[in-house]
């Protein structure tokens, strides 16, 4: 598994088009990653979850970027614990960006 810092670095490369994809492919990826738009910014991301062998959720992640006030910020969030899922990681990110006035 790659670290959250590595995930954020890869997301930064996607945000700035520093990947071997066509502009059309990057535009499609951006559409697929759209989460929500507010008066302050636009959130893009992808979530995922992990489970124990018995199916108990123990990990949630959310990676993406936010556009706000003409700037872009890449992020990666991993949350771990019993019954933790991707929605938990997403909630953390949204809360932070809302408190920072970016979303």
PDB file of N, CA and C in Angstrom:
ATOM      1  N   UNK A   1       0.848  -1.181   0.000  1.00  0.00           N
ATOM      2  CA  UNK A   1       0.000   0.000   0.000  1.00  0.00           C
ATOM      3  C   UNK A   1       0.887   1.236   0.000  1.00  0.00           C
ATOM      4  N   UNK A   2       0.500   2.225  -0.791  1.00  0.00           N
ATOM      5  CA  UNK A   2       1.274   3.456  -0.799  1.00  0.00           C
ATOM      6  C   UNK A   2       0.776   4.377   0.305  1.00  0.00           C
ATOM      7  N   UNK A   3       1.666   5.208   0.791  1.00  0.00           N
ATOM      8  CA  UNK A   3       1.345   6.084   1.913  1.00  0.00           C
ATOM      9  C   UNK A   3       0.418   7.211   1.476  1.00  0.00           C
ATOM     10  N   UNK A   4      -0.257   7.859   2.453  1.00  0.00           N
ATOM     11  CA  UNK A   4      -1.093   9.012   2.110  1.00  0.00           C
ATOM     12  C   UNK A   4      -0.297  10.116   1.403  1.00  0.00           C
ATOM     13  N   UNK A   5       0.952  10.317   1.798  1.00  0.00           N
ATOM     14  CA  UNK A   5       1.776  11.343   1.145  1.00  0.00           C
ATOM     15  C   UNK A   5       2.027  10.984  -0.316  1.00  0.00           C
ATOM     16  N   UNK A   6       2.282   9.714  -0.588  1.00  0.00           N
ATOM     17  CA  UNK A   6       2.484   9.275  -1.967  1.00  0.00           C
ATOM     18  C   UNK A   6       1.189   9.417  -2.769  1.00  0.00           C
ATOM     19  N   UNK A   7       0.055   9.090  -2.146  1.00  0.00           N
ATOM     20  CA  UNK A   7      -1.233   9.229  -2.818  1.00  0.00           C
ATOM     21  C   UNK A   7      -1.486  10.686  -3.181  1.00  0.00           C
ATOM     22  N   UNK A   8      -1.202  11.584  -2.241  1.00  0.00           N
ATOM     23  CA  UNK A   8      -1.399  13.013  -2.500  1.00  0.00           C
ATOM     24  C   UNK A   8      -0.474  13.478  -3.622  1.00  0.00           C
ATOM     25  N   UNK A   9       0.748  12.960  -3.655  1.00  0.00           N
ATOM     26  CA  UNK A   9       1.677  13.312  -4.727  1.00  0.00           C
ATOM     27  C   UNK A   9       1.179  12.851  -6.089  1.00  0.00           C
ATOM     28  N   UNK A  10       0.646  11.642  -6.143  1.00  0.00           N
ATOM     29  CA  UNK A  10       0.080  11.144  -7.392  1.00  0.00           C
ATOM     30  C   UNK A  10      -1.131  11.975  -7.809  1.00  0.00           C
ATOM     31  N   UNK A  11      -1.953  12.360  -6.839  1.00  0.00           N
ATOM     32  CA  UNK A  11      -3.116  13.186  -7.143  1.00  0.00           C
ATOM     33  C   UNK A  11      -2.666  14.545  -7.670  1.00  0.00           C
ATOM     34  N   UNK A  12      -1.617  15.088  -7.104  1.00  0.00           N
ATOM     35  CA  UNK A  12      -1.081  16.361  -7.582  1.00  0.00           C
ATOM     36  C   UNK A  12      -0.694  16.233  -9.054  1.00  0.00           C
ATOM     37  N   UNK A  13      -0.057  15.125  -9.417  1.00  0.00           N
ATOM     38  CA  UNK A  13       0.334  14.911 -10.808  1.00  0.00           C
ATOM     39  C   UNK A  13      -0.884  14.875 -11.728  1.00  0.00           C
ATOM     40  N   UNK A  14      -1.955  14.263 -11.264  1.00  0.00           N
ATOM     41  CA  UNK A  14      -3.192  14.222 -12.053  1.00  0.00           C
ATOM     42  C   UNK A  14      -3.780  15.620 -12.184  1.00  0.00           C
ATOM     43  N   UNK A  15      -3.830  16.358 -11.086  1.00  0.00           N
ATOM     44  CA  UNK A  15      -4.405  17.708 -11.084  1.00  0.00           C
ATOM     45  C   UNK A  15      -3.694  18.610 -12.090  1.00  0.00           C
ATOM     46  N   UNK A  16      -2.377  18.500 -12.152  1.00  0.00           N
ATOM     47  CA  UNK A  16      -1.603  19.376 -13.031  1.00  0.00           C
ATOM     48  C   UNK A  16      -1.277  18.752 -14.383  1.00  0.00           C
ATOM     49  N   UNK A  17      -1.890  17.604 -14.685  1.00  0.00           N
ATOM     50  CA  UNK A  17      -1.726  16.990 -15.994  1.00  0.00           C
ATOM     51  C   UNK A  17      -0.347  16.415 -16.243  1.00  0.00           C
ATOM     52  N   UNK A  18       0.372  16.107 -15.181  1.00  0.00           N
ATOM     53  CA  UNK A  18       1.726  15.561 -15.305  1.00  0.00           C
ATOM     54  C   UNK A  18       1.688  14.032 -15.280  1.00  0.00           C
ATOM     55  N   UNK A  19       0.844  13.480 -16.136  1.00  0.00           N
ATOM     56  CA  UNK A  19       0.655  12.033 -16.269  1.00  0.00           C
ATOM     57  C   UNK A  19       0.561  11.695 -17.752  1.00  0.00           C
ATOM     58  N   UNK A  20       0.848  10.450 -18.109  1.00  0.00           N
ATOM     59  CA  UNK A  20       0.820  10.071 -19.530  1.00  0.00           C
ATOM     60  C   UNK A  20      -0.585   9.753 -20.044  1.00  0.00           C
ATOM     61  N   UNK A  21      -1.548  10.658 -19.793  1.00  0.00           N
ATOM     62  CA  UNK A  21      -2.912  10.492 -20.257  1.00  0.00           C
ATOM     63  C   UNK A  21      -3.237  11.632 -21.213  1.00  0.00           C
ATOM     64  N   UNK A  22      -4.156  11.392 -22.118  1.00  0.00           N
ATOM     65  CA  UNK A  22      -4.608  12.463 -23.011  1.00  0.00           C
ATOM     66  C   UNK A  22      -5.448  13.465 -22.223  1.00  0.00           C
ATOM     67  N   UNK A  23      -5.589  14.660 -22.792  1.00  0.00           N
ATOM     68  CA  UNK A  23      -6.428  15.677 -22.152  1.00  0.00           C
ATOM     69  C   UNK A  23      -7.869  15.194 -22.047  1.00  0.00           C
ATOM     70  N   UNK A  24      -8.328  14.453 -23.040  1.00  0.00           N
ATOM     71  CA  UNK A  24      -9.698  13.920 -23.012  1.00  0.00           C
ATOM     72  C   UNK A  24      -9.854  12.926 -21.862  1.00  0.00           C
ATOM     73  N   UNK A  25      -8.861  12.083 -21.655  1.00  0.00           N
ATOM     74  CA  UNK A  25      -8.919  11.112 -20.552  1.00  0.00           C
ATOM     75  C   UNK A  25      -8.905  11.820 -19.206  1.00  0.00           C
ATOM     76  N   UNK A  26      -8.088  12.856 -19.072  1.00  0.00           N
ATOM     77  CA  UNK A  26      -8.050  13.621 -17.819  1.00  0.00           C
ATOM     78  C   UNK A  26      -9.384  14.324 -17.569  1.00  0.00           C
ATOM     79  N   UNK A  27     -10.008  14.841 -18.610  1.00  0.00           N
ATOM     80  CA  UNK A  27     -11.317  15.493 -18.462  1.00  0.00           C
ATOM     81  C   UNK A  27     -12.360  14.484 -18.003  1.00  0.00           C
ATOM     82  N   UNK A  28     -12.320  13.280 -18.536  1.00  0.00           N
ATOM     83  CA  UNK A  28     -13.256  12.227 -18.122  1.00  0.00           C
ATOM     84  C   UNK A  28     -13.011  11.843 -16.670  1.00  0.00           C
ATOM     85  N   UNK A  29     -11.754  11.707 -16.298  1.00  0.00           N
ATOM     86  CA  UNK A  29     -11.416  11.381 -14.907  1.00  0.00           C
ATOM     87  C   UNK A  29     -11.947  12.454 -13.958  1.00  0.00           C
ATOM     88  N   UNK A  30     -11.789  13.707 -14.322  1.00  0.00           N
ATOM     89  CA  UNK A  30     -12.283  14.809 -13.492  1.00  0.00           C
ATOM     90  C   UNK A  30     -13.802  14.717 -13.317  1.00  0.00           C
ATOM     91  N   UNK A  31     -14.518  14.405 -14.394  1.00  0.00           N
ATOM     92  CA  UNK A  31     -15.973  14.248 -14.297  1.00  0.00           C
ATOM     93  C   UNK A  31     -16.343  13.106 -13.360  1.00  0.00           C
ATOM     94  N   UNK A  32     -15.605  12.009 -13.453  1.00  0.00           N
ATOM     95  CA  UNK A  32     -15.879  10.848 -12.599  1.00  0.00           C
ATOM     96  C   UNK A  32     -15.578  11.131 -11.127  1.00  0.00           C
ATOM     97  N   UNK A  33     -14.613  11.998 -10.878  1.00  0.00           N
ATOM     98  CA  UNK A  33     -14.205  12.290  -9.502  1.00  0.00           C
ATOM     99  C   UNK A  33     -15.026  13.393  -8.840  1.00  0.00           C
ATOM    100  N   UNK A  34     -15.873  14.085  -9.592  1.00  0.00           N
ATOM    101  CA  UNK A  34     -16.666  15.186  -9.019  1.00  0.00           C
ATOM    102  C   UNK A  34     -17.498  14.682  -7.842  1.00  0.00           C
ATOM    103  N   UNK A  35     -17.397  15.382  -6.711  1.00  0.00           N
ATOM    104  CA  UNK A  35     -18.160  15.040  -5.499  1.00  0.00           C
ATOM    105  C   UNK A  35     -19.229  16.097  -5.222  1.00  0.00           C
ATOM    106  N   UNK A  36     -18.791  17.352  -5.088  1.00  0.00           N
ATOM    107  CA  UNK A  36     -19.760  18.400  -4.778  1.00  0.00           C
ATOM    108  C   UNK A  36     -19.187  19.771  -5.065  1.00  0.00           C
ATOM    109  N   UNK A  37     -20.099  20.731  -5.266  1.00  0.00           N
ATOM    110  CA  UNK A  37     -19.732  22.120  -5.496  1.00  0.00           C
ATOM    111  C   UNK A  37     -20.454  22.983  -4.482  1.00  0.00           C
ATOM    112  N   UNK A  38     -19.730  23.916  -3.881  1.00  0.00           N
ATOM    113  CA  UNK A  38     -20.317  24.894  -2.971  1.00  0.00           C
ATOM    114  C   UNK A  38     -19.965  26.287  -3.486  1.00  0.00           C
ATOM    115  N   UNK A  39     -20.418  27.309  -2.782  1.00  0.00           N
ATOM    116  CA  UNK A  39     -20.071  28.684  -3.153  1.00  0.00           C
ATOM    117  C   UNK A  39     -18.573  28.944  -3.010  1.00  0.00           C
ATOM    118  N   UNK A  40     -17.901  28.149  -2.194  1.00  0.00           N
ATOM    119  CA  UNK A  40     -16.475  28.371  -1.917  1.00  0.00           C
ATOM    120  C   UNK A  40     -15.535  27.491  -2.732  1.00  0.00           C
ATOM    121  N   UNK A  41     -15.996  26.335  -3.190  1.00  0.00           N
ATOM    122  CA  UNK A  41     -15.081  25.458  -3.909  1.00  0.00           C
ATOM    123  C   UNK A  41     -15.749  24.226  -4.486  1.00  0.00           C
ATOM    124  N   UNK A  42     -14.913  23.448  -5.165  1.00  0.00           N
ATOM    125  CA  UNK A  42     -15.369  22.204  -5.789  1.00  0.00           C
ATOM    126  C   UNK A  42     -14.489  21.073  -5.283  1.00  0.00           C
ATOM    127  N   UNK A  43     -15.141  19.979  -4.870  1.00  0.00           N
ATOM    128  CA  UNK A  43     -14.436  18.819  -4.328  1.00  0.00           C
ATOM    129  C   UNK A  43     -14.474  17.672  -5.325  1.00  0.00           C
ATOM    130  N   UNK A  44     -13.301  17.089  -5.571  1.00  0.00           N
ATOM    131  CA  UNK A  44     -13.148  15.924  -6.433  1.00  0.00           C
ATOM    132  C   UNK A  44     -12.460  14.833  -5.632  1.00  0.00           C
ATOM    133  N   UNK A  45     -12.862  13.585  -5.806  1.00  0.00           N
ATOM    134  CA  UNK A  45     -12.180  12.535  -5.069  1.00  0.00           C
ATOM    135  C   UNK A  45     -12.648  11.135  -5.404  1.00  0.00           C
ATOM    136  N   UNK A  46     -11.977  10.193  -4.781  1.00  0.00           N
ATOM    137  CA  UNK A  46     -12.279   8.772  -4.905  1.00  0.00           C
ATOM    138  C   UNK A  46     -12.136   8.150  -3.530  1.00  0.00           C
ATOM    139  N   UNK A  47     -13.096   7.327  -3.160  1.00  0.00           N
ATOM    140  CA  UNK A  47     -13.080   6.669  -1.853  1.00  0.00           C
ATOM    141  C   UNK A  47     -12.793   5.178  -2.002  1.00  0.00           C
ATOM    142  N   UNK A  48     -12.482   4.565  -0.882  1.00  0.00           N
ATOM    143  CA  UNK A  48     -12.303   3.119  -0.835  1.00  0.00           C
ATOM    144  C   UNK A  48     -12.314   2.646   0.600  1.00  0.00           C
ATOM    145  N   UNK A  49     -12.575   1.361   0.779  1.00  0.00           N
ATOM    146  CA  UNK A  49     -12.651   0.772   2.117  1.00  0.00           C
ATOM    147  C   UNK A  49     -11.894  -0.546   2.141  1.00  0.00           C
ATOM    148  N   UNK A  50     -11.492  -0.949   3.338  1.00  0.00           N
ATOM    149  CA  UNK A  50     -10.835  -2.232   3.530  1.00  0.00           C
ATOM    150  C   UNK A  50     -11.496  -2.987   4.670  1.00  0.00           C
ATOM    151  N   UNK A  51     -11.424  -4.328   4.600  1.00  0.00           N
ATOM    152  CA  UNK A  51     -12.065  -5.153   5.616  1.00  0.00           C
ATOM    153  C   UNK A  51     -11.108  -6.205   6.168  1.00  0.00           C
ATOM    154  N   UNK A  52     -11.477  -6.714   7.325  1.00  0.00           N
ATOM    155  CA  UNK A  52     -10.816  -7.892   7.882  1.00  0.00           C
ATOM    156  C   UNK A  52     -11.299  -9.106   7.096  1.00  0.00           C
ATOM    157  N   UNK A  53     -10.701 -10.260   7.353  1.00  0.00           N
ATOM    158  CA  UNK A  53     -11.115 -11.486   6.677  1.00  0.00           C
ATOM    159  C   UNK A  53     -12.587 -11.825   6.926  1.00  0.00           C
ATOM    160  N   UNK A  54     -13.115 -11.396   8.078  1.00  0.00           N
ATOM    161  CA  UNK A  54     -14.511 -11.695   8.403  1.00  0.00           C
ATOM    162  C   UNK A  54     -15.498 -10.675   7.824  1.00  0.00           C
ATOM    163  N   UNK A  55     -14.982  -9.693   7.076  1.00  0.00           N
ATOM    164  CA  UNK A  55     -15.841  -8.697   6.454  1.00  0.00           C
ATOM    165  C   UNK A  55     -16.046  -7.430   7.266  1.00  0.00           C
ATOM    166  N   UNK A  56     -15.468  -7.356   8.473  1.00  0.00           N
ATOM    167  CA  UNK A  56     -15.587  -6.150   9.290  1.00  0.00           C
ATOM    168  C   UNK A  56     -14.765  -5.028   8.674  1.00  0.00           C
ATOM    169  N   UNK A  57     -15.404  -3.881   8.448  1.00  0.00           N
ATOM    170  CA  UNK A  57     -14.685  -2.728   7.905  1.00  0.00           C
ATOM    171  C   UNK A  57     -13.686  -2.214   8.938  1.00  0.00           C
ATOM    172  N   UNK A  58     -12.458  -1.945   8.488  1.00  0.00           N
ATOM    173  CA  UNK A  58     -11.407  -1.456   9.392  1.00  0.00           C
ATOM    174  C   UNK A  58     -10.614  -0.298   8.801  1.00  0.00           C
ATOM    175  N   UNK A  59     -10.917   0.082   7.558  1.00  0.00           N
ATOM    176  CA  UNK A  59     -10.117   1.117   6.917  1.00  0.00           C
ATOM    177  C   UNK A  59     -10.958   1.850   5.880  1.00  0.00           C
ATOM    178  N   UNK A  60     -10.829   3.155   5.874  1.00  0.00           N
ATOM    179  CA  UNK A  60     -11.473   3.966   4.858  1.00  0.00           C
ATOM    180  C   UNK A  60     -10.485   4.987   4.343  1.00  0.00           C
ATOM    181  N   UNK A  61     -10.537   5.260   3.061  1.00  0.00           N
ATOM    182  CA  UNK A  61      -9.654   6.273   2.506  1.00  0.00           C
ATOM    183  C   UNK A  61     -10.412   7.158   1.530  1.00  0.00           C
ATOM    184  N   UNK A  62      -9.882   8.360   1.362  1.00  0.00           N
ATOM    185  CA  UNK A  62     -10.453   9.332   0.435  1.00  0.00           C
ATOM    186  C   UNK A  62      -9.289  10.139  -0.111  1.00  0.00           C
ATOM    187  N   UNK A  63      -9.117  10.135  -1.406  1.00  0.00           N
ATOM    188  CA  UNK A  63      -8.022  10.851  -2.063  1.00  0.00           C
ATOM    189  C   UNK A  63      -8.613  11.724  -3.155  1.00  0.00           C
ATOM    190  N   UNK A  64      -8.050  12.912  -3.347  1.00  0.00           N
ATOM    191  CA  UNK A  64      -8.575  13.794  -4.376  1.00  0.00           C
ATOM    192  C   UNK A  64      -7.979  15.175  -4.307  1.00  0.00           C
ATOM    193  N   UNK A  65      -8.792  16.152  -4.700  1.00  0.00           N
ATOM    194  CA  UNK A  65      -8.348  17.537  -4.631  1.00  0.00           C
ATOM    195  C   UNK A  65      -9.551  18.455  -4.531  1.00  0.00           C
ATOM    196  N   UNK A  66      -9.283  19.661  -4.064  1.00  0.00           N
ATOM    197  CA  UNK A  66     -10.318  20.685  -3.969  1.00  0.00           C
ATOM    198  C   UNK A  66      -9.827  21.903  -4.747  1.00  0.00           C
ATOM    199  N   UNK A  67     -10.740  22.535  -5.486  1.00  0.00           N
ATOM    200  CA  UNK A  67     -10.453  23.789  -6.174  1.00  0.00           C
ATOM    201  C   UNK A  67     -11.193  24.885  -5.422  1.00  0.00           C
ATOM    202  N   UNK A  68     -10.448  25.921  -5.035  1.00  0.00           N
ATOM    203  CA  UNK A  68     -11.059  27.011  -4.286  1.00  0.00           C
ATOM    204  C   UNK A  68     -10.263  28.293  -4.521  1.00  0.00           C
ATOM    205  N   UNK A  69     -10.958  29.356  -4.834  1.00  0.00           N
ATOM    206  CA  UNK A  69     -10.342  30.666  -5.016  1.00  0.00           C
ATOM    207  C   UNK A  69      -9.171  30.617  -6.003  1.00  0.00           C
ATOM    208  N   UNK A  70      -9.357  29.872  -7.096  1.00  0.00           N
ATOM    209  CA  UNK A  70      -8.330  29.800  -8.127  1.00  0.00           C
ATOM    210  C   UNK A  70      -7.142  28.912  -7.807  1.00  0.00           C
ATOM    211  N   UNK A  71      -7.186  28.205  -6.690  1.00  0.00           N
ATOM    212  CA  UNK A  71      -6.084  27.320  -6.296  1.00  0.00           C
ATOM    213  C   UNK A  71      -6.582  25.885  -6.205  1.00  0.00           C
ATOM    214  N   UNK A  72      -5.645  24.952  -6.298  1.00  0.00           N
ATOM    215  CA  UNK A  72      -5.970  23.531  -6.174  1.00  0.00           C
ATOM    216  C   UNK A  72      -5.140  22.927  -5.047  1.00  0.00           C
ATOM    217  N   UNK A  73      -5.786  22.080  -4.260  1.00  0.00           N
ATOM    218  CA  UNK A  73      -5.116  21.422  -3.137  1.00  0.00           C
ATOM    219  C   UNK A  73      -5.367  19.920  -3.230  1.00  0.00           C
ATOM    220  N   UNK A  74      -4.304  19.140  -3.382  1.00  0.00           N
ATOM    221  CA  UNK A  74      -4.414  17.683  -3.412  1.00  0.00           C
ATOM    222  C   UNK A  74      -4.393  17.163  -1.979  1.00  0.00           C
ATOM    223  N   UNK A  75      -5.088  16.059  -1.733  1.00  0.00           N
ATOM    224  CA  UNK A  75      -5.127  15.484  -0.391  1.00  0.00           C
ATOM    225  C   UNK A  75      -5.254  13.972  -0.450  1.00  0.00           C
ATOM    226  N   UNK A  76      -4.930  13.341   0.653  1.00  0.00           N
ATOM    227  CA  UNK A  76      -5.176  11.913   0.859  1.00  0.00           C
ATOM    228  C   UNK A  76      -5.449  11.729   2.340  1.00  0.00           C
ATOM    229  N   UNK A  77      -6.510  11.017   2.656  1.00  0.00           N
ATOM    230  CA  UNK A  77      -6.896  10.770   4.043  1.00  0.00           C
ATOM    231  C   UNK A  77      -7.151   9.280   4.232  1.00  0.00           C
ATOM    232  N   UNK A  78      -6.540   8.712   5.261  1.00  0.00           N
ATOM    233  CA  UNK A  78      -6.765   7.317   5.630  1.00  0.00           C
ATOM    234  C   UNK A  78      -7.257   7.291   7.066  1.00  0.00           C
ATOM    235  N   UNK A  79      -8.369   6.603   7.305  1.00  0.00           N
ATOM    236  CA  UNK A  79      -8.918   6.443   8.655  1.00  0.00           C
ATOM    237  C   UNK A  79      -8.973   4.949   8.959  1.00  0.00           C
ATOM    238  N   UNK A  80      -8.564   4.574  10.176  1.00  0.00           N
ATOM    239  CA  UNK A  80      -8.550   3.165  10.553  1.00  0.00           C
ATOM    240  C   UNK A  80      -9.281   2.963  11.871  1.00  0.00           C
ATOM    241  N   UNK A  81      -9.878   1.788  12.022  1.00  0.00           N
ATOM    242  CA  UNK A  81     -10.574   1.432  13.254  1.00  0.00           C
ATOM    243  C   UNK A  81     -11.733   0.492  12.944  1.00  0.00           C
ATOM    244  N   UNK A  82     -12.283  -0.079  13.981  1.00  0.00           N
ATOM    245  CA  UNK A  82     -13.407  -0.987  13.786  1.00  0.00           C
ATOM    246  C   UNK A  82     -14.603  -0.223  13.230  1.00  0.00           C
ATOM    247  N   UNK A  83     -15.204  -0.773  12.183  1.00  0.00           N
ATOM    248  CA  UNK A  83     -16.369  -0.193  11.510  1.00  0.00           C
ATOM    249  C   UNK A  83     -16.074   1.151  10.841  1.00  0.00           C
ATOM    250  N   UNK A  84     -14.823   1.390  10.487  1.00  0.00           N
ATOM    251  CA  UNK A  84     -14.448   2.593   9.749  1.00  0.00           C
ATOM    252  C   UNK A  84     -14.507   2.281   8.260  1.00  0.00           C
ATOM    253  N   UNK A  85     -15.134   3.191   7.517  1.00  0.00           N
ATOM    254  CA  UNK A  85     -15.286   2.999   6.075  1.00  0.00           C
ATOM    255  C   UNK A  85     -14.912   4.289   5.349  1.00  0.00           C
ATOM    256  N   UNK A  86     -15.016   4.255   4.027  1.00  0.00           N
ATOM    257  CA  UNK A  86     -14.645   5.407   3.208  1.00  0.00           C
ATOM    258  C   UNK A  86     -15.448   6.655   3.562  1.00  0.00           C
ATOM    259  N   UNK A  87     -16.710   6.479   3.938  1.00  0.00           N
ATOM    260  CA  UNK A  87     -17.527   7.651   4.276  1.00  0.00           C
ATOM    261  C   UNK A  87     -16.954   8.402   5.474  1.00  0.00           C
ATOM    262  N   UNK A  88     -16.267   7.700   6.362  1.00  0.00           N
ATOM    263  CA  UNK A  88     -15.644   8.354   7.508  1.00  0.00           C
ATOM    264  C   UNK A  88     -14.471   9.229   7.069  1.00  0.00           C
ATOM    265  N   UNK A  89     -13.640   8.712   6.160  1.00  0.00           N
ATOM    266  CA  UNK A  89     -12.512   9.484   5.645  1.00  0.00           C
ATOM    267  C   UNK A  89     -13.012  10.707   4.881  1.00  0.00           C
ATOM    268  N   UNK A  90     -14.048  10.523   4.087  1.00  0.00           N
ATOM    269  CA  UNK A  90     -14.612  11.646   3.330  1.00  0.00           C
ATOM    270  C   UNK A  90     -15.150  12.717   4.280  1.00  0.00           C
ATOM    271  N   UNK A  91     -15.830  12.309   5.332  1.00  0.00           N
ATOM    272  CA  UNK A  91     -16.379  13.270   6.293  1.00  0.00           C
ATOM    273  C   UNK A  91     -15.266  14.085   6.958  1.00  0.00           C
ATOM    274  N   UNK A  92     -14.156  13.437   7.260  1.00  0.00           N
ATOM    275  CA  UNK A  92     -13.014  14.144   7.856  1.00  0.00           C
ATOM    276  C   UNK A  92     -12.514  15.219   6.901  1.00  0.00           C
ATOM    277  N   UNK A  93     -12.309  14.843   5.644  1.00  0.00           N
ATOM    278  CA  UNK A  93     -11.791  15.787   4.651  1.00  0.00           C
ATOM    279  C   UNK A  93     -12.752  16.949   4.455  1.00  0.00           C
ATOM    280  N   UNK A  94     -14.023  16.656   4.295  1.00  0.00           N
ATOM    281  CA  UNK A  94     -14.998  17.734   4.089  1.00  0.00           C
ATOM    282  C   UNK A  94     -15.035  18.678   5.285  1.00  0.00           C
ATOM    283  N   UNK A  95     -14.964  18.144   6.482  1.00  0.00           N
ATOM    284  CA  UNK A  95     -14.974  18.973   7.683  1.00  0.00           C
ATOM    285  C   UNK A  95     -13.759  19.907   7.727  1.00  0.00           C
ATOM    286  N   UNK A  96     -12.602  19.378   7.407  1.00  0.00           N
ATOM    287  CA  UNK A  96     -11.378  20.192   7.416  1.00  0.00           C
ATOM    288  C   UNK A  96     -11.485  21.310   6.377  1.00  0.00           C
ATOM    289  N   UNK A  97     -11.892  20.968   5.158  1.00  0.00           N
ATOM    290  CA  UNK A  97     -11.972  21.981   4.113  1.00  0.00           C
ATOM    291  C   UNK A  97     -13.045  23.026   4.416  1.00  0.00           C
ATOM    292  N   UNK A  98     -14.158  22.615   5.016  1.00  0.00           N
ATOM    293  CA  UNK A  98     -15.180  23.582   5.395  1.00  0.00           C
ATOM    294  C   UNK A  98     -14.658  24.540   6.457  1.00  0.00           C
ATOM    295  N   UNK A  99     -13.957  24.017   7.452  1.00  0.00           N
ATOM    296  CA  UNK A  99     -13.387  24.867   8.516  1.00  0.00           C
ATOM    297  C   UNK A  99     -12.322  25.824   7.976  1.00  0.00           C
ATOM    298  N   UNK A 100     -11.609  25.400   6.922  1.00  0.00           N
ATOM    299  CA  UNK A 100     -10.593  26.253   6.311  1.00  0.00           C
ATOM    300  C   UNK A 100     -11.177  27.235   5.305  1.00  0.00           C
ATOM    301  N   UNK A 101     -12.481  27.141   5.056  1.00  0.00           N
ATOM    302  CA  UNK A 101     -13.131  28.037   4.123  1.00  0.00           C
ATOM    303  C   UNK A 101     -12.877  27.700   2.664  1.00  0.00           C
ATOM    304  N   UNK A 102     -12.437  26.466   2.390  1.00  0.00           N
ATOM    305  CA  UNK A 102     -12.169  26.050   1.031  1.00  0.00           C
ATOM    306  C   UNK A 102     -13.360  25.371   0.367  1.00  0.00           C
ATOM    307  N   UNK A 103     -14.341  24.995   1.175  1.00  0.00           N
ATOM    308  CA  UNK A 103     -15.485  24.243   0.657  1.00  0.00           C
ATOM    309  C   UNK A 103     -16.762  24.695   1.323  1.00  0.00           C
TER     310      UNK A 103
END
